[in-house]
């Protein structure tokens, strides 16, 4: 079962979205320099604020549930932390990122005392609040990053960071800020805590496809594994508890753009095929489970990526039968967010896409769609 929403009177692509703690408000980027805040009123969503401080397209949004702060980043090379005033209006505070290229992605840490911003400047800015000067400052993670940082995610211990980039690499760094937090306990990734220490590196190049740049990364709920999806239509898992063993699954789908864990062994990924797909990680590797879009027509045989491209290409024709595809989303899914539950036990998740649609998916009601396979 899924619930669909549209925002505003015109259809605009949704670049990214983020929920507040109670899930009665949502921040979306309608593919421009603004961030719109909507509040649910009955079955409708009404706009209550417009965050318009950025000059160029907003590329990342994250909403801290406990401190109720929003952080945004943009192609204008800036990031802002937004706080509500006494009138419930959002006020921005500029973050000193010290970058000369677009800020591409942003994520609050689990303890919400810092956040990380990826950029086209081949570095990650780890930002924290300096109370003495009353501003947000940053420290950089640079080497051995060689290209644009496209995605990042925090370890549950608040000190490790996984980073994906367009040099076909996934790296795990220490992002510990000794000025504001205690030393973390050792993890299977290593015990070094100095900011910027490279703890692991994985390559997404090689093979018959030649590889692809990394689109999305995610730490597992226990922090021992990472998954990532890349532009070569693969999904990958690396497990630190088994000596950084890696598993790659080359899929028949178009490239994925976002992924997240929904249990300690289950992953949802979505992208250019316009549907969320479920995968399981086992001791023997990655296993494809099912498409989670029940509106999908059953195919007599598997569709290759090339056939899928041909199918999508038909949408440019004038025949009415070719103006839509057999899925809820009618264009690429750009963002997946948890809606109900946590990574260890997700009950609902949301997707947004270039079709301007936001869909909330109920995992429990999708059991039929995954043909009776129990999510463990």
Protein backbone atom coordinates (compact mmCIF):
# COMPACT_ATOMS: atom_id res chain seq x y z
CA UNK A 1 0.00 0.00 0.00
CA UNK A 2 1.21 3.50 -0.81
CA UNK A 3 -0.04 7.06 -0.31
CA UNK A 4 0.69 9.72 -2.91
CA UNK A 5 0.98 13.49 -2.52
CA UNK A 6 1.65 16.46 -4.76
CA UNK A 7 2.70 19.91 -3.57
CA UNK A 8 1.69 23.24 -5.04
CA UNK A 9 -0.39 24.02 -8.13
CA UNK A 10 2.35 23.26 -10.65
CA UNK A 11 4.30 20.06 -11.12
CA UNK A 12 7.97 20.66 -10.32
CA UNK A 13 10.66 18.02 -9.80
CA UNK A 14 11.52 17.35 -6.16
CA UNK A 15 15.29 17.30 -5.77
CA UNK A 16 15.23 16.17 -2.12
CA UNK A 17 12.99 16.16 0.93
CA UNK A 18 13.21 15.80 4.72
CA UNK A 19 10.68 15.21 7.52
CA UNK A 20 10.34 16.73 10.96
CA UNK A 21 10.16 14.46 14.01
CA UNK A 22 6.35 14.17 14.09
CA UNK A 23 6.07 13.76 10.30
CA UNK A 24 3.42 16.47 10.13
CA UNK A 25 5.79 18.85 8.33
CA UNK A 26 8.05 18.32 5.35
CA UNK A 27 10.79 20.38 3.69
CA UNK A 28 11.16 19.94 -0.06
CA UNK A 29 13.37 21.47 -2.73
CA UNK A 30 11.32 22.07 -5.93
CA UNK A 31 14.47 21.94 -8.07
CA UNK A 32 15.34 25.60 -7.56
CA UNK A 33 16.98 27.91 -5.00
CA UNK A 34 14.09 27.67 -2.52
CA UNK A 35 13.04 25.23 0.20
CA UNK A 36 9.30 24.96 0.86
CA UNK A 37 7.98 23.93 4.27
CA UNK A 38 4.58 22.22 4.17
CA UNK A 39 2.34 21.24 7.08
CA UNK A 40 -0.33 18.57 6.90
CA UNK A 41 -3.87 19.83 7.46
CA UNK A 42 -6.32 16.94 7.25
CA UNK A 43 -5.52 15.17 3.99
CA UNK A 44 -3.94 18.24 2.39
CA UNK A 45 -0.51 19.86 2.64
CA UNK A 46 -0.36 23.63 3.09
CA UNK A 47 2.77 25.71 2.64
CA UNK A 48 3.70 27.53 5.85
CA UNK A 49 7.14 28.94 5.03
CA UNK A 50 9.53 29.51 2.17
CA UNK A 51 13.27 29.35 2.85
CA UNK A 52 14.75 31.57 0.16
CA UNK A 53 18.25 32.48 1.35
CA UNK A 54 20.12 30.46 -1.29
CA UNK A 55 21.02 31.95 -4.69
CA UNK A 56 21.30 28.71 -6.69
CA UNK A 57 19.62 25.31 -6.70
CA UNK A 58 19.33 23.57 -3.34
CA UNK A 59 20.98 20.14 -3.51
CA UNK A 60 20.63 18.83 0.05
CA UNK A 61 18.24 19.11 3.02
CA UNK A 62 18.29 17.42 6.41
CA UNK A 63 15.98 17.99 9.38
CA UNK A 64 17.31 17.19 12.86
CA UNK A 65 14.39 15.55 14.72
CA UNK A 66 15.33 16.35 18.32
CA UNK A 67 16.84 19.82 18.04
CA UNK A 68 14.34 20.75 15.29
CA UNK A 69 16.95 22.41 13.11
CA UNK A 70 17.09 22.28 9.33
CA UNK A 71 20.34 22.37 7.39
CA UNK A 72 20.40 23.09 3.65
CA UNK A 73 23.19 23.23 1.08
CA UNK A 74 23.25 24.55 -2.45
CA UNK A 75 25.13 24.98 -5.70
CA UNK A 76 25.85 28.53 -4.49
CA UNK A 77 28.61 26.98 -2.26
CA UNK A 78 26.77 27.85 0.95
CA UNK A 79 25.04 25.99 3.75
CA UNK A 80 22.56 27.40 6.26
CA UNK A 81 21.28 26.16 9.59
CA UNK A 82 17.66 27.19 10.10
CA UNK A 83 16.08 27.72 13.52
CA UNK A 84 12.52 28.69 14.36
CA UNK A 85 11.90 32.01 16.12
CA UNK A 86 9.10 32.81 18.58
CA UNK A 87 6.72 33.33 15.65
CA UNK A 88 7.49 29.88 14.22
CA UNK A 89 9.33 31.44 11.28
CA UNK A 90 12.59 29.92 10.10
CA UNK A 91 15.69 32.10 10.38
CA UNK A 92 19.01 31.22 8.69
CA UNK A 93 22.52 31.15 10.08
CA UNK A 94 25.35 31.00 7.53
CA UNK A 95 27.87 28.16 7.90
CA UNK A 96 31.53 28.83 7.12
CA UNK A 97 32.14 25.97 4.68
CA UNK A 98 35.28 27.43 3.06
CA UNK A 99 34.69 25.77 -0.31
CA UNK A 100 34.95 27.08 -3.88
CA UNK A 101 32.56 24.64 -5.57
CA UNK A 102 28.94 23.58 -5.14
CA UNK A 103 27.82 22.00 -1.88
CA UNK A 104 26.24 18.76 -3.07
CA UNK A 105 24.93 16.87 -0.01
CA UNK A 106 24.41 17.37 3.72
CA UNK A 107 23.60 15.16 6.72
CA UNK A 108 23.19 15.72 10.46
CA UNK A 109 25.11 13.38 12.75
CA UNK A 110 23.04 11.05 15.00
CA UNK A 111 23.69 13.23 18.08
CA UNK A 112 22.80 16.35 16.06
CA UNK A 113 25.83 18.25 17.39
CA UNK A 114 27.48 18.46 13.95
CA UNK A 115 26.80 17.81 10.30
CA UNK A 116 28.80 16.96 7.18
CA UNK A 117 28.63 18.69 3.81
CA UNK A 118 30.00 17.15 0.61
CA UNK A 119 31.08 19.36 -2.27
CA UNK A 120 32.51 19.64 -5.74
CA UNK A 121 35.69 20.98 -4.16
CA UNK A 122 36.86 17.38 -3.54
CA UNK A 123 36.40 17.60 0.21
CA UNK A 124 33.96 17.12 3.06
CA UNK A 125 33.26 19.93 5.54
CA UNK A 126 32.51 18.62 9.03
CA UNK A 127 30.63 21.47 10.70
CA UNK A 128 29.95 22.18 14.37
CA UNK A 129 28.79 25.10 16.50
CA UNK A 130 31.48 27.19 18.13
CA UNK A 131 29.78 28.72 21.16
CA UNK A 132 32.58 31.18 21.89
CA UNK A 133 32.01 33.04 18.62
CA UNK A 134 28.35 32.03 18.19
CA UNK A 135 28.71 30.61 14.67
CA UNK A 136 28.98 27.37 12.72
CA UNK A 137 32.52 26.53 11.61
CA UNK A 138 33.97 23.62 9.65
CA UNK A 139 36.97 21.36 9.47
CA UNK A 140 37.92 19.69 6.19
CA UNK A 141 38.46 16.09 5.16
CA UNK A 142 40.47 16.25 1.93
CA UNK A 143 42.87 13.42 1.14
CA UNK A 144 42.56 11.09 -0.69
CA UNK A 145 39.33 12.50 -2.22
CA UNK A 146 39.94 13.19 -5.92
CA UNK A 147 36.55 14.17 -7.24
CA UNK A 148 33.11 15.56 -6.38
CA UNK A 149 31.55 14.15 -3.23
CA UNK A 150 28.04 13.04 -4.17
CA UNK A 151 26.76 11.35 -1.03
CA UNK A 152 27.57 10.67 2.63
CA UNK A 153 26.15 9.02 5.75
CA UNK A 154 26.99 8.87 9.47
CA UNK A 155 27.88 5.83 11.55
CA UNK A 156 25.57 5.28 14.58
CA UNK A 157 28.48 6.16 16.91
CA UNK A 158 28.42 9.79 15.66
CA UNK A 159 32.15 9.70 14.76
CA UNK A 160 32.56 7.82 11.48
CA UNK A 161 31.52 9.01 8.05
CA UNK A 162 31.08 7.09 4.79
CA UNK A 163 31.63 9.14 1.65
CA UNK A 164 30.85 8.35 -1.99
CA UNK A 165 32.25 10.31 -4.92
CA UNK A 166 32.52 10.51 -8.69
CA UNK A 167 36.00 8.96 -8.70
CA UNK A 168 34.18 5.60 -8.33
CA UNK A 169 35.27 5.26 -4.69
CA UNK A 170 33.56 4.76 -1.33
CA UNK A 171 35.59 5.70 1.72
CA UNK A 172 35.10 5.50 5.48
CA UNK A 173 36.66 8.37 7.46
CA UNK A 174 36.94 9.36 11.07
CA UNK A 175 34.91 12.55 11.55
CA UNK A 176 35.53 12.93 15.27
CA UNK A 177 35.68 16.51 16.60
CA UNK A 178 37.63 16.35 19.85
CA UNK A 179 36.56 19.88 20.86
CA UNK A 180 32.91 18.91 21.31
CA UNK A 181 32.77 15.14 22.01
CA UNK A 182 34.47 12.29 23.80
CA UNK A 183 36.50 9.60 22.07
CA UNK A 184 34.24 6.86 20.68
CA UNK A 185 34.54 3.15 21.41
CA UNK A 186 36.54 1.12 18.84
CA UNK A 187 34.55 -0.36 15.96
CA UNK A 188 35.30 -3.05 13.35
CA UNK A 189 36.30 -0.19 11.06
CA UNK A 190 39.23 0.71 13.33
CA UNK A 191 40.14 2.58 16.48
CA UNK A 192 41.79 5.74 15.10
CA UNK A 193 39.82 8.89 15.88
CA UNK A 194 41.84 11.72 14.33
CA UNK A 195 39.65 13.78 12.01
CA UNK A 196 40.15 12.77 8.38
CA UNK A 197 41.80 9.40 9.07
CA UNK A 198 40.98 7.01 6.22
CA UNK A 199 39.71 3.75 7.74
CA UNK A 200 38.56 1.90 4.61
CA UNK A 201 38.37 2.42 0.85
CA UNK A 202 36.35 0.50 -1.73
CA UNK A 203 36.44 0.85 -5.51
CA UNK A 204 33.40 0.69 -7.74
CA UNK A 205 35.45 0.47 -10.93
CA UNK A 206 36.34 -2.59 -12.96
CA UNK A 207 34.26 -5.42 -14.33
CA UNK A 208 32.53 -5.62 -17.69
CA UNK A 209 30.68 -2.33 -17.14
CA UNK A 210 33.80 -0.38 -16.24
CA UNK A 211 32.19 0.86 -13.04
CA UNK A 212 30.27 4.02 -12.24
CA UNK A 213 30.22 7.00 -9.93
CA UNK A 214 28.65 6.48 -6.53
CA UNK A 215 25.12 7.85 -6.16
CA UNK A 216 24.18 6.97 -2.56
CA UNK A 217 25.70 5.36 0.54
CA UNK A 218 24.24 4.14 3.82
CA UNK A 219 25.55 2.67 7.08
CA UNK A 220 23.70 -0.37 8.41
CA UNK A 221 21.83 -0.03 11.76
CA UNK A 222 24.64 -1.75 13.67
CA UNK A 223 27.29 0.29 11.84
CA UNK A 224 29.27 -2.77 10.72
CA UNK A 225 28.20 -2.65 7.07
CA UNK A 226 27.81 -0.07 4.36
CA UNK A 227 25.80 -0.29 1.16
CA UNK A 228 26.13 1.87 -1.91
CA UNK A 229 24.56 2.18 -5.33
CA UNK A 230 26.35 3.43 -8.42
CA UNK A 231 25.63 4.60 -11.95
CA UNK A 232 26.56 1.21 -13.40
CA UNK A 233 23.25 -0.27 -12.10
CA UNK A 234 24.97 -2.12 -9.26
CA UNK A 235 24.26 -2.37 -5.56
CA UNK A 236 27.13 -3.16 -3.21
CA UNK A 237 27.71 -4.07 0.43
CA UNK A 238 30.96 -4.02 2.44
CA UNK A 239 31.12 -5.75 5.84
CA UNK A 240 33.78 -4.61 8.33
CA UNK A 241 33.02 -7.49 10.70
CA UNK A 242 34.24 -9.98 8.07
CA UNK A 243 37.47 -8.26 7.07
CA UNK A 244 35.86 -5.67 4.79
CA UNK A 245 34.42 -8.37 2.53
CA UNK A 246 32.53 -6.78 -0.38
CA UNK A 247 29.55 -8.06 -2.35
CA UNK A 248 28.42 -6.63 -5.69
CA UNK A 249 25.13 -7.36 -7.44
CA UNK A 250 24.72 -6.21 -11.02
CA UNK A 251 21.02 -5.60 -11.60
CA UNK A 252 18.74 -5.43 -14.61
CA UNK A 253 17.40 -2.04 -13.54
CA UNK A 254 18.38 1.44 -14.62
CA UNK A 255 20.88 3.12 -12.27
CA UNK A 256 19.77 3.69 -8.68
CA UNK A 257 20.01 7.18 -7.18
CA UNK A 258 19.24 6.51 -3.51
CA UNK A 259 19.42 3.63 -1.03
CA UNK A 260 18.87 2.95 2.66
CA UNK A 261 18.80 0.05 5.08
CA UNK A 262 15.36 -0.85 6.47
CA UNK A 263 16.58 -3.73 8.66
CA UNK A 264 20.08 -4.94 9.46
CA UNK A 265 19.93 -7.23 6.42
CA UNK A 266 17.48 -5.49 4.06
CA UNK A 267 18.05 -2.58 1.68
CA UNK A 268 15.66 -0.47 -0.39
CA UNK A 269 17.05 1.24 -3.49
CA UNK A 270 15.38 3.39 -6.16
CA UNK A 271 16.34 5.55 -9.10
CA UNK A 272 15.87 5.84 -12.85
CA UNK A 273 13.60 2.77 -13.08
CA UNK A 274 11.00 4.79 -11.10
CA UNK A 275 10.31 2.01 -8.59
CA UNK A 276 11.70 1.08 -5.14
CA UNK A 277 13.41 -2.31 -5.10
CA UNK A 278 14.11 -4.57 -2.12
CA UNK A 279 17.40 -6.44 -1.65
CA UNK A 280 18.67 -8.74 1.11
CA UNK A 281 22.20 -9.20 2.34
CA UNK A 282 23.09 -12.77 3.33
CA UNK A 283 26.30 -14.58 4.22
CA UNK A 284 26.66 -15.54 0.57
CA UNK A 285 26.11 -12.08 -0.88
CA UNK A 286 23.33 -9.82 -2.11
CA UNK A 287 19.98 -11.18 -3.24
CA UNK A 288 17.31 -9.38 -5.25
CA UNK A 289 13.93 -9.80 -3.53
CA UNK A 290 11.20 -7.85 -5.31
CA UNK A 291 9.88 -4.65 -6.75
CA UNK A 292 7.90 -2.82 -4.09
CA UNK A 293 5.62 -1.03 -6.53
CA UNK A 294 2.52 -3.24 -6.76
CA UNK A 295 1.22 -1.27 -9.74
CA UNK A 296 3.99 -2.83 -11.84
CA UNK A 297 2.76 -5.19 -14.52
CA UNK A 298 4.13 -8.70 -14.35
CA UNK A 299 6.70 -9.31 -17.06
CA UNK A 300 7.07 -12.60 -18.88
CA UNK A 301 10.82 -12.23 -18.71
CA UNK A 302 13.42 -9.99 -17.15
CA UNK A 303 13.95 -6.55 -18.69
CA UNK A 304 17.49 -5.56 -19.48
CA UNK A 305 18.65 -2.01 -18.89
CA UNK A 306 18.76 -1.44 -22.66
CA UNK A 307 15.14 -2.57 -23.07
CA UNK A 308 14.17 -0.28 -20.23
CA UNK A 309 15.81 2.66 -21.97
CA UNK A 310 13.91 1.83 -25.15
CA UNK A 311 10.68 1.69 -23.18
CA UNK A 312 11.30 5.06 -21.54
CA UNK A 313 12.27 6.57 -24.89
CA UNK A 314 8.78 5.84 -26.16
CA UNK A 315 7.37 8.50 -23.83
CA UNK A 316 8.38 11.14 -26.39
CA UNK A 317 5.85 9.74 -28.89
CA UNK A 318 2.38 11.18 -29.32
CA UNK A 319 0.41 7.96 -28.84
CA UNK A 320 -1.63 8.05 -25.61
CA UNK A 321 -0.51 4.54 -24.69
CA UNK A 322 3.09 5.73 -24.54
CA UNK A 323 2.63 8.78 -22.29
CA UNK A 324 2.91 6.90 -18.98
CA UNK A 325 4.77 3.97 -17.52
CA UNK A 326 3.37 1.23 -15.31
CA UNK A 327 4.54 2.58 -11.98
CA UNK A 328 3.39 5.12 -9.41
CA UNK A 329 6.35 7.40 -10.03
CA UNK A 330 6.46 8.59 -13.62
CA UNK A 331 10.06 9.75 -13.53
CA UNK A 332 13.29 9.01 -11.70
CA UNK A 333 13.19 8.69 -7.91
CA UNK A 334 15.79 11.05 -6.45
CA UNK A 335 15.44 10.61 -2.69
CA UNK A 336 14.46 7.96 -0.12
CA UNK A 337 13.78 8.91 3.52
CA UNK A 338 12.66 6.86 6.50
CA UNK A 339 9.13 7.83 7.51
CA UNK A 340 8.23 5.48 10.36
CA UNK A 341 10.66 3.43 12.44
CA UNK A 342 14.43 3.28 12.20
CA UNK A 343 17.01 1.63 9.97
CA UNK A 344 16.82 -1.47 12.19
CA UNK A 345 13.05 -1.72 11.93
CA UNK A 346 11.58 0.55 9.28
CA UNK A 347 7.81 0.37 8.88
CA UNK A 348 7.32 3.11 6.28
CA UNK A 349 9.59 5.05 3.96
CA UNK A 350 9.02 7.91 1.53
CA UNK A 351 10.27 8.58 -1.98
CA UNK A 352 10.29 11.75 -4.07
CA UNK A 353 11.12 12.15 -7.71
CA UNK A 354 11.47 14.24 -10.83
CA UNK A 355 7.73 13.81 -11.46
CA UNK A 356 6.98 16.05 -8.47
CA UNK A 357 5.38 13.19 -6.58
CA UNK A 358 5.96 12.16 -2.97
CA UNK A 359 4.97 8.59 -2.08
CA UNK A 360 4.83 6.98 1.38
CA UNK A 361 5.28 3.20 1.24
CA UNK A 362 3.98 0.86 3.97
CA UNK A 363 6.39 -2.06 4.18
CA UNK A 364 4.05 -4.32 6.15
CA UNK A 365 1.34 -4.04 3.52
CA UNK A 366 3.83 -4.85 0.76
CA UNK A 367 4.28 -8.47 1.89
CA UNK A 368 2.22 -9.71 -1.04
CA UNK A 369 4.38 -7.71 -3.41
CA UNK A 370 7.48 -9.51 -2.20
CA UNK A 371 5.76 -12.89 -2.74
CA UNK A 372 5.61 -13.93 0.89
CA UNK A 373 9.33 -13.38 1.51
CA UNK A 374 9.76 -12.49 5.18
CA UNK A 375 11.87 -9.40 5.85
CA UNK A 376 14.49 -10.36 8.46
